[in-house]
Protein backbone atom coordinates (compact mmCIF):
# COMPACT_ATOMS: atom_id res chain seq x y z
CA LEU A 1 20.68 52.15 10.41
CA ALA A 2 22.41 55.52 10.77
CA ASP A 3 20.84 56.79 7.56
CA LEU A 4 17.38 55.60 8.60
CA ILE A 5 17.33 57.56 11.85
CA PRO A 6 17.21 61.07 10.31
CA LYS A 7 14.41 59.96 7.97
CA GLU A 8 12.43 58.59 10.90
CA GLN A 9 13.01 61.75 12.95
CA THR A 10 11.74 63.83 10.03
CA ARG A 11 8.69 61.61 9.67
CA VAL A 12 7.97 61.76 13.41
CA LYS A 13 8.35 65.54 13.42
CA ALA A 14 5.89 65.90 10.54
CA PHE A 15 3.46 63.50 12.21
CA ARG A 16 3.66 65.44 15.47
CA GLN A 17 3.05 68.74 13.68
CA GLN A 18 -0.11 67.32 12.14
CA HIS A 19 -1.38 65.24 15.05
CA GLY A 20 0.47 66.47 18.14
CA LYS A 21 -2.69 67.63 19.88
CA THR A 22 -4.80 64.63 18.91
CA VAL A 23 -6.08 62.92 22.04
CA VAL A 24 -5.60 59.15 22.08
CA GLY A 25 -7.45 57.89 25.13
CA GLN A 26 -6.10 59.98 27.99
CA ILE A 27 -2.77 60.75 26.33
CA THR A 28 -1.81 62.97 23.42
CA VAL A 29 0.34 61.98 20.49
CA ASP A 30 3.04 64.31 21.88
CA MET A 31 3.25 62.17 25.02
CA MET A 32 4.10 59.07 22.99
CA TYR A 33 7.29 60.63 21.65
């Protein structure tokens, strides 16, 4: 699990950079993380 966490953090960071301001209902993607 320890080696999966950095990969997931990198994936989440990239996702947030691309979609961080996308509005999903009344919340943004940034709010979900």
